[in-house]
């Protein structure tokens, strides 16, 4: 399932600086992270898994969800919550001009 979502303005996200028509790998990665934190609640431990560029940037990010907010973090309850955490992995599509095109689950590798 591919989500088409409202794009975040690149100039606003990256401090209003945009001197070329094509954004850099770093800008595409920062835009993907910004959209992740804006669209998914309680995200933490974001890791860049990869970035590819053909006619658009494809940024793969992995992260965990902090499900412990506002809960009792003592004893076995805390241990059970930690053991139940897993990393999510999403593929973010960013156009060459910095428009956020959407994101979807990243495919698992067969290795």
C-alpha atoms as a PDB file:
ATOM      1  CA  UNK A   1       0.000   0.000   0.000  1.00  0.00           C
ATOM      2  CA  UNK A   2       1.501   3.303  -1.102  1.00  0.00           C
ATOM      3  CA  UNK A   3       0.464   6.482   0.685  1.00  0.00           C
ATOM      4  CA  UNK A   4       0.225   9.760  -1.243  1.00  0.00           C
ATOM      5  CA  UNK A   5       0.442  12.523   1.339  1.00  0.00           C
ATOM      6  CA  UNK A   6       0.611  16.297   1.430  1.00  0.00           C
ATOM      7  CA  UNK A   7       4.160  17.396   0.726  1.00  0.00           C
ATOM      8  CA  UNK A   8       6.212  19.493   3.124  1.00  0.00           C
ATOM      9  CA  UNK A   9       7.728  22.542   1.490  1.00  0.00           C
ATOM     10  CA  UNK A  10      11.452  21.906   0.974  1.00  0.00           C
ATOM     11  CA  UNK A  11      12.394  25.552   1.424  1.00  0.00           C
ATOM     12  CA  UNK A  12      10.635  25.655   4.798  1.00  0.00           C
ATOM     13  CA  UNK A  13      12.084  22.287   5.891  1.00  0.00           C
ATOM     14  CA  UNK A  14      15.657  23.136   4.907  1.00  0.00           C
ATOM     15  CA  UNK A  15      15.788  26.705   6.193  1.00  0.00           C
ATOM     16  CA  UNK A  16      14.605  28.445   3.031  1.00  0.00           C
ATOM     17  CA  UNK A  17      17.800  27.656   1.089  1.00  0.00           C
ATOM     18  CA  UNK A  18      17.456  26.245  -2.376  1.00  0.00           C
ATOM     19  CA  UNK A  19      19.934  27.280  -5.039  1.00  0.00           C
ATOM     20  CA  UNK A  20      19.589  24.489  -7.614  1.00  0.00           C
ATOM     21  CA  UNK A  21      16.712  22.631  -9.211  1.00  0.00           C
ATOM     22  CA  UNK A  22      17.948  19.248  -7.968  1.00  0.00           C
ATOM     23  CA  UNK A  23      18.357  18.568  -4.268  1.00  0.00           C
ATOM     24  CA  UNK A  24      21.302  16.656  -2.780  1.00  0.00           C
ATOM     25  CA  UNK A  25      21.330  13.215  -1.169  1.00  0.00           C
ATOM     26  CA  UNK A  26      21.673  14.895   2.221  1.00  0.00           C
ATOM     27  CA  UNK A  27      18.666  17.161   1.603  1.00  0.00           C
ATOM     28  CA  UNK A  28      16.554  14.202   0.439  1.00  0.00           C
ATOM     29  CA  UNK A  29      17.519  12.264   3.576  1.00  0.00           C
ATOM     30  CA  UNK A  30      16.672  15.177   5.879  1.00  0.00           C
ATOM     31  CA  UNK A  31      13.327  15.656   4.128  1.00  0.00           C
ATOM     32  CA  UNK A  32      12.514  11.941   4.572  1.00  0.00           C
ATOM     33  CA  UNK A  33      13.367  12.117   8.301  1.00  0.00           C
ATOM     34  CA  UNK A  34      11.240  15.262   8.720  1.00  0.00           C
ATOM     35  CA  UNK A  35       8.245  13.596   7.062  1.00  0.00           C
ATOM     36  CA  UNK A  36       8.705  10.460   9.184  1.00  0.00           C
ATOM     37  CA  UNK A  37       8.643  12.401  12.452  1.00  0.00           C
ATOM     38  CA  UNK A  38       5.697  14.512  11.274  1.00  0.00           C
ATOM     39  CA  UNK A  39       3.576  11.551  10.138  1.00  0.00           C
ATOM     40  CA  UNK A  40       4.396   8.784  12.636  1.00  0.00           C
ATOM     41  CA  UNK A  41       4.016   9.356  16.378  1.00  0.00           C
ATOM     42  CA  UNK A  42       6.663   8.486  18.987  1.00  0.00           C
ATOM     43  CA  UNK A  43       9.456   7.718  16.489  1.00  0.00           C
ATOM     44  CA  UNK A  44      12.958   7.250  17.878  1.00  0.00           C
ATOM     45  CA  UNK A  45      16.308   5.737  16.879  1.00  0.00           C
ATOM     46  CA  UNK A  46      16.059   6.726  13.199  1.00  0.00           C
ATOM     47  CA  UNK A  47      18.733   5.098  11.024  1.00  0.00           C
ATOM     48  CA  UNK A  48      19.394   5.729   7.342  1.00  0.00           C
ATOM     49  CA  UNK A  49      19.506   2.297   5.695  1.00  0.00           C
ATOM     50  CA  UNK A  50      20.128   3.529   2.156  1.00  0.00           C
ATOM     51  CA  UNK A  51      19.571   6.247  -0.445  1.00  0.00           C
ATOM     52  CA  UNK A  52      19.223   5.719  -4.188  1.00  0.00           C
ATOM     53  CA  UNK A  53      18.691   8.206  -7.001  1.00  0.00           C
ATOM     54  CA  UNK A  54      17.307   7.493 -10.457  1.00  0.00           C
ATOM     55  CA  UNK A  55      14.580   9.940 -11.520  1.00  0.00           C
ATOM     56  CA  UNK A  56      13.714  10.465  -7.812  1.00  0.00           C
ATOM     57  CA  UNK A  57      15.344   9.831  -4.447  1.00  0.00           C
ATOM     58  CA  UNK A  58      14.413   6.653  -2.601  1.00  0.00           C
ATOM     59  CA  UNK A  59      15.405   6.969   1.057  1.00  0.00           C
ATOM     60  CA  UNK A  60      15.088   3.897   3.279  1.00  0.00           C
ATOM     61  CA  UNK A  61      14.791   4.657   7.008  1.00  0.00           C
ATOM     62  CA  UNK A  62      14.464   2.269   9.934  1.00  0.00           C
ATOM     63  CA  UNK A  63      13.188   3.314  13.355  1.00  0.00           C
ATOM     64  CA  UNK A  64      11.502   2.149  16.541  1.00  0.00           C
ATOM     65  CA  UNK A  65       8.256   3.361  18.059  1.00  0.00           C
ATOM     66  CA  UNK A  66       8.417   4.467  21.695  1.00  0.00           C
ATOM     67  CA  UNK A  67       5.371   2.698  23.097  1.00  0.00           C
ATOM     68  CA  UNK A  68       6.485   3.410  26.682  1.00  0.00           C
ATOM     69  CA  UNK A  69       5.296   7.025  26.862  1.00  0.00           C
ATOM     70  CA  UNK A  70       3.146   7.509  29.921  1.00  0.00           C
ATOM     71  CA  UNK A  71       3.401   3.904  31.087  1.00  0.00           C
ATOM     72  CA  UNK A  72       4.856   2.248  34.155  1.00  0.00           C
ATOM     73  CA  UNK A  73       8.504   1.551  33.321  1.00  0.00           C
ATOM     74  CA  UNK A  74       9.355  -0.669  36.275  1.00  0.00           C
ATOM     75  CA  UNK A  75      10.037  -4.366  36.664  1.00  0.00           C
ATOM     76  CA  UNK A  76       8.741  -7.032  34.322  1.00  0.00           C
ATOM     77  CA  UNK A  77       6.399  -4.610  32.563  1.00  0.00           C
ATOM     78  CA  UNK A  78       9.369  -2.591  31.325  1.00  0.00           C
ATOM     79  CA  UNK A  79      11.272  -5.708  30.261  1.00  0.00           C
ATOM     80  CA  UNK A  80       8.258  -7.025  28.331  1.00  0.00           C
ATOM     81  CA  UNK A  81       7.887  -3.699  26.513  1.00  0.00           C
ATOM     82  CA  UNK A  82      11.580  -3.645  25.527  1.00  0.00           C
ATOM     83  CA  UNK A  83      11.470  -7.256  24.319  1.00  0.00           C
ATOM     84  CA  UNK A  84       8.385  -6.460  22.232  1.00  0.00           C
ATOM     85  CA  UNK A  85      10.010  -3.560  20.365  1.00  0.00           C
ATOM     86  CA  UNK A  86      10.910  -4.056  16.752  1.00  0.00           C
ATOM     87  CA  UNK A  87      12.383  -1.923  14.042  1.00  0.00           C
ATOM     88  CA  UNK A  88      10.153  -0.660  11.279  1.00  0.00           C
ATOM     89  CA  UNK A  89      11.582   0.066   7.836  1.00  0.00           C
ATOM     90  CA  UNK A  90      10.014   2.472   5.323  1.00  0.00           C
ATOM     91  CA  UNK A  91      10.939   3.665   1.832  1.00  0.00           C
ATOM     92  CA  UNK A  92      10.420   7.409   1.269  1.00  0.00           C
ATOM     93  CA  UNK A  93      10.096   8.825  -2.248  1.00  0.00           C
ATOM     94  CA  UNK A  94      11.347  12.378  -2.781  1.00  0.00           C
ATOM     95  CA  UNK A  95      11.326  14.100  -6.187  1.00  0.00           C
ATOM     96  CA  UNK A  96      14.455  15.737  -7.562  1.00  0.00           C
ATOM     97  CA  UNK A  97      13.007  19.170  -6.721  1.00  0.00           C
ATOM     98  CA  UNK A  98      12.333  18.208  -3.083  1.00  0.00           C
ATOM     99  CA  UNK A  99       8.643  17.299  -3.200  1.00  0.00           C
ATOM    100  CA  UNK A 100       7.652  14.533  -0.785  1.00  0.00           C
ATOM    101  CA  UNK A 101       5.861  11.934  -2.922  1.00  0.00           C
ATOM    102  CA  UNK A 102       4.947   9.405  -0.237  1.00  0.00           C
ATOM    103  CA  UNK A 103       6.233   6.377   1.637  1.00  0.00           C
ATOM    104  CA  UNK A 104       5.592   2.646   1.947  1.00  0.00           C
ATOM    105  CA  UNK A 105       6.924  -0.413   3.738  1.00  0.00           C
ATOM    106  CA  UNK A 106      10.441  -1.228   2.586  1.00  0.00           C
ATOM    107  CA  UNK A 107      10.776  -4.696   1.116  1.00  0.00           C
ATOM    108  CA  UNK A 108      12.705  -7.188   3.162  1.00  0.00           C
ATOM    109  CA  UNK A 109      15.925  -8.399   1.579  1.00  0.00           C
ATOM    110  CA  UNK A 110      16.228 -12.077   0.757  1.00  0.00           C
ATOM    111  CA  UNK A 111      19.661 -12.442   2.339  1.00  0.00           C
END
